[in-house]
Amino acid sequence: ESIGLIDEIGLWVFQEVCKRVVDWSRKGLPFGRISFNLSQRQLMEPNLAVMFLTLLEGTGAMDFAEHIECEITESLIIKQLDIALESINRLKETGMTLAIDDFGTGHSSLINLKRFPLDRLKIDREFVRDIGRDRHDEGIINATLALAQGFQLEVIAEGVENELQRAFLKEIGCHEIQGFLMSPPLPVDE
């Protein structure tokens, strides 16, 4: 990001996501959605939405946009809010879903939950890691879930690695989990 390569890499990643979504959708494979992260530099690019729309249309992924999720780290939204808000709103109009990644670890601002057309909050693995050992982390997770429910957002817990964590998250009503308990990263063919 510091030397400017993130622009090219970010567009390549998004293009690969689009290709994969089209391929898997046409084959009828049930994969849910593919998430990708936007960097701060990308989010501040005034032409981001136009570039992404071009890739969505060029790859045929526009028809499957609901299977693509854009993850934005909450601290990225703070800077150049007007540009970020315009880009996020345009991306949302495509049918892609939007998630706040690593919620609670950056400059949490509740106004951003109100301002942006979000679909999901992702609880950072830092809070999940000590479930069963740290009541404060459990309290933060409970509070995040209650906050998300108030905004009608789904909640995904990251970094779930054991059955104790899964059971706690299920009991409190967390919508989804991700982590090594479910599967390690796999090659595309698998």
Protein backbone atom coordinates (compact mmCIF):
# COMPACT_ATOMS: atom_id res chain seq x y z
CA GLU A 1 0.00 0.00 0.00
CA SER A 2 2.79 2.44 0.89
CA ILE A 3 4.38 2.16 -2.59
CA GLY A 4 1.12 2.26 -4.54
CA LEU A 5 0.90 -1.37 -5.67
CA ILE A 6 -2.33 -1.88 -3.75
CA ASP A 7 -4.31 -0.21 -6.54
CA GLU A 8 -3.26 -2.82 -9.12
CA ILE A 9 -3.36 -5.70 -6.65
CA GLY A 10 -6.78 -4.64 -5.36
CA LEU A 11 -8.26 -4.52 -8.86
CA TRP A 12 -6.71 -7.89 -9.69
CA VAL A 13 -8.16 -9.43 -6.50
CA PHE A 14 -11.60 -8.02 -7.28
CA GLN A 15 -11.40 -9.32 -10.86
CA GLU A 16 -10.45 -12.79 -9.58
CA VAL A 17 -13.36 -12.70 -7.10
CA CYS A 18 -15.70 -11.80 -9.96
CA LYS A 19 -14.40 -14.63 -12.15
CA ARG A 20 -14.71 -17.16 -9.33
CA VAL A 21 -18.26 -16.06 -8.48
CA VAL A 22 -19.32 -16.40 -12.12
CA ASP A 23 -17.64 -19.80 -12.50
CA TRP A 24 -19.04 -21.28 -9.30
CA SER A 25 -22.51 -19.80 -9.87
CA ARG A 26 -22.73 -21.19 -13.41
CA LYS A 27 -21.64 -24.61 -12.14
CA GLY A 28 -24.36 -24.46 -9.48
CA LEU A 29 -21.93 -24.77 -6.58
CA PRO A 30 -23.36 -23.59 -3.22
CA PHE A 31 -20.66 -21.27 -1.89
CA GLY A 32 -22.59 -18.45 -0.21
CA ARG A 33 -20.40 -15.44 -0.82
CA ILE A 34 -16.80 -14.44 -1.37
CA SER A 35 -15.46 -11.56 0.68
CA PHE A 36 -12.61 -9.25 -0.20
CA ASN A 37 -11.05 -6.37 1.70
CA LEU A 38 -10.79 -2.80 0.48
CA SER A 39 -7.65 -0.95 1.51
CA GLN A 40 -7.69 2.63 2.74
CA ARG A 41 -6.04 3.79 -0.46
CA GLN A 42 -8.66 2.05 -2.60
CA LEU A 43 -11.53 3.47 -0.59
CA MET A 44 -10.20 7.00 -1.11
CA GLU A 45 -10.04 6.52 -4.90
CA PRO A 46 -12.82 8.70 -6.40
CA ASN A 47 -13.19 6.34 -9.40
CA LEU A 48 -13.34 3.14 -7.34
CA ALA A 49 -17.01 2.45 -8.01
CA VAL A 50 -16.61 3.01 -11.76
CA MET A 51 -13.63 0.64 -11.90
CA PHE A 52 -15.50 -2.02 -9.95
CA LEU A 53 -18.65 -1.62 -12.04
CA THR A 54 -16.56 -2.08 -15.18
CA LEU A 55 -15.10 -5.31 -13.79
CA LEU A 56 -18.50 -6.58 -12.63
CA GLU A 57 -19.97 -6.03 -16.09
CA GLY A 58 -16.90 -7.24 -18.00
CA THR A 59 -16.70 -10.54 -16.13
CA GLY A 60 -20.45 -11.17 -16.07
CA ALA A 61 -20.45 -10.99 -12.27
CA MET A 62 -23.10 -8.25 -12.14
CA ASP A 63 -25.72 -11.02 -12.34
CA PHE A 64 -24.18 -12.65 -9.26
CA ALA A 65 -23.21 -9.55 -7.26
CA GLU A 66 -25.18 -10.71 -4.19
CA HIS A 67 -22.47 -13.37 -3.75
CA ILE A 68 -19.73 -10.73 -3.39
CA GLU A 69 -19.05 -9.01 -0.08
CA CYS A 70 -16.86 -5.97 0.33
CA GLU A 71 -15.18 -5.77 3.74
CA ILE A 72 -14.15 -2.38 5.04
CA THR A 73 -12.08 -1.94 8.17
CA GLU A 74 -13.89 0.59 10.34
CA SER A 75 -10.85 2.84 10.76
CA LEU A 76 -10.70 3.30 6.96
CA ILE A 77 -14.07 5.01 6.89
CA ILE A 78 -13.00 7.89 9.10
CA LYS A 79 -10.70 9.53 6.57
CA GLN A 80 -12.14 11.45 3.59
CA LEU A 81 -15.65 10.52 4.61
CA ASP A 82 -17.39 12.09 1.61
CA ILE A 83 -15.39 10.09 -0.95
CA ALA A 84 -15.75 6.88 1.08
CA LEU A 85 -19.51 7.36 1.50
CA GLU A 86 -20.04 7.94 -2.22
CA SER A 87 -17.97 4.87 -3.15
CA ILE A 88 -19.68 2.66 -0.59
CA ASN A 89 -23.15 3.74 -1.68
CA ARG A 90 -22.33 3.09 -5.35
CA LEU A 91 -20.90 -0.35 -4.54
CA LYS A 92 -24.00 -1.19 -2.51
CA GLU A 93 -26.21 -0.30 -5.48
CA THR A 94 -24.62 -3.15 -7.47
CA GLY A 95 -26.16 -5.70 -5.12
CA MET A 96 -22.92 -6.55 -3.32
CA THR A 97 -23.11 -6.80 0.43
CA LEU A 98 -21.00 -4.62 2.71
CA ALA A 99 -19.38 -5.58 6.00
CA ILE A 100 -17.41 -3.73 8.64
CA ASP A 101 -14.37 -5.89 9.33
CA ASP A 102 -12.57 -6.09 12.69
CA PHE A 103 -15.37 -4.23 14.44
CA GLY A 104 -14.35 -2.84 17.79
CA THR A 105 -10.61 -2.79 17.14
CA GLY A 106 -10.29 0.57 15.40
CA HIS A 107 -11.91 3.94 15.87
CA SER A 108 -15.39 2.64 16.53
CA SER A 109 -17.92 5.25 15.59
CA LEU A 110 -21.56 4.40 15.95
CA ILE A 111 -22.46 7.11 13.45
CA ASN A 112 -20.84 4.97 10.75
CA LEU A 113 -23.29 2.17 11.48
CA LYS A 114 -26.07 4.64 10.84
CA ARG A 115 -24.49 6.40 7.88
CA PHE A 116 -23.34 3.50 5.70
CA PRO A 117 -25.52 0.90 3.96
CA LEU A 118 -24.01 -2.05 5.83
CA ASP A 119 -25.18 -5.64 5.94
CA ARG A 120 -22.79 -7.24 8.44
CA LEU A 121 -20.38 -6.65 11.30
CA LYS A 122 -17.40 -8.93 11.72
CA ILE A 123 -16.20 -9.47 15.27
CA ASP A 124 -12.43 -9.56 15.33
CA ARG A 125 -10.65 -12.75 16.40
CA GLU A 126 -9.03 -10.79 19.25
CA PHE A 127 -12.34 -10.96 21.11
CA VAL A 128 -13.15 -14.54 20.09
CA ARG A 129 -9.77 -15.97 21.13
CA ASP A 130 -10.38 -15.70 24.89
CA ILE A 131 -13.98 -16.90 25.05
CA GLY A 132 -14.25 -18.98 28.21
CA ARG A 133 -11.25 -17.23 29.78
CA ASP A 134 -12.05 -13.52 29.65
CA ARG A 135 -15.52 -12.28 30.61
CA HIS A 136 -14.65 -8.84 29.20
CA ASP A 137 -14.22 -10.26 25.70
CA GLU A 138 -17.49 -12.13 26.10
CA GLY A 139 -19.16 -8.89 27.21
CA ILE A 140 -17.81 -7.06 24.15
CA ILE A 141 -19.13 -9.80 21.88
CA ASN A 142 -22.56 -9.68 23.56
CA ALA A 143 -22.67 -5.89 23.27
CA THR A 144 -21.63 -6.01 19.61
CA LEU A 145 -24.35 -8.54 18.86
CA ALA A 146 -26.98 -6.40 20.60
CA LEU A 147 -25.79 -3.30 18.73
CA ALA A 148 -25.90 -5.13 15.40
CA GLN A 149 -29.42 -6.38 16.11
CA GLY A 150 -30.50 -2.79 16.73
CA PHE A 151 -29.19 -1.87 13.28
CA GLN A 152 -30.58 -5.06 11.72
CA LEU A 153 -27.11 -6.25 10.78
CA GLU A 154 -25.86 -9.82 10.70
CA VAL A 155 -22.83 -10.68 12.83
CA ILE A 156 -19.92 -12.90 11.82
CA ALA A 157 -17.32 -13.97 14.38
CA GLU A 158 -13.80 -14.44 13.01
CA GLY A 159 -11.10 -16.76 14.27
CA VAL A 160 -13.30 -19.52 15.69
CA GLU A 161 -10.91 -22.36 16.44
CA ASN A 162 -12.57 -24.57 19.04
CA GLU A 163 -15.90 -26.00 20.10
CA LEU A 164 -16.15 -23.81 23.24
CA GLN A 165 -16.02 -20.67 21.11
CA ARG A 166 -18.57 -22.06 18.64
CA ALA A 167 -20.96 -23.09 21.41
CA PHE A 168 -20.78 -19.68 23.12
CA LEU A 169 -21.37 -17.82 19.85
CA LYS A 170 -24.29 -20.08 18.93
CA GLU A 171 -25.84 -19.65 22.37
CA ILE A 172 -25.80 -15.85 22.18
CA GLY A 173 -27.25 -15.83 18.64
CA CYS A 174 -24.24 -15.00 16.47
CA HIS A 175 -25.34 -15.48 12.85
CA GLU A 176 -22.16 -16.91 11.32
CA ILE A 177 -18.69 -18.02 12.24
CA GLN A 178 -15.48 -18.40 10.31
CA GLY A 179 -12.16 -19.88 11.30
CA PHE A 180 -10.06 -23.01 11.44
CA LEU A 181 -12.79 -24.92 13.29
CA MET A 182 -14.75 -24.81 10.03
CA SER A 183 -11.82 -25.21 7.63
CA PRO A 184 -8.32 -23.95 7.03
CA PRO A 185 -7.77 -21.96 3.82
CA LEU A 186 -8.05 -24.26 0.81
CA PRO A 187 -6.95 -24.17 -2.82
CA VAL A 188 -9.72 -23.10 -5.20
CA ASP A 189 -10.32 -26.60 -6.56
CA GLU A 190 -11.04 -27.89 -3.06
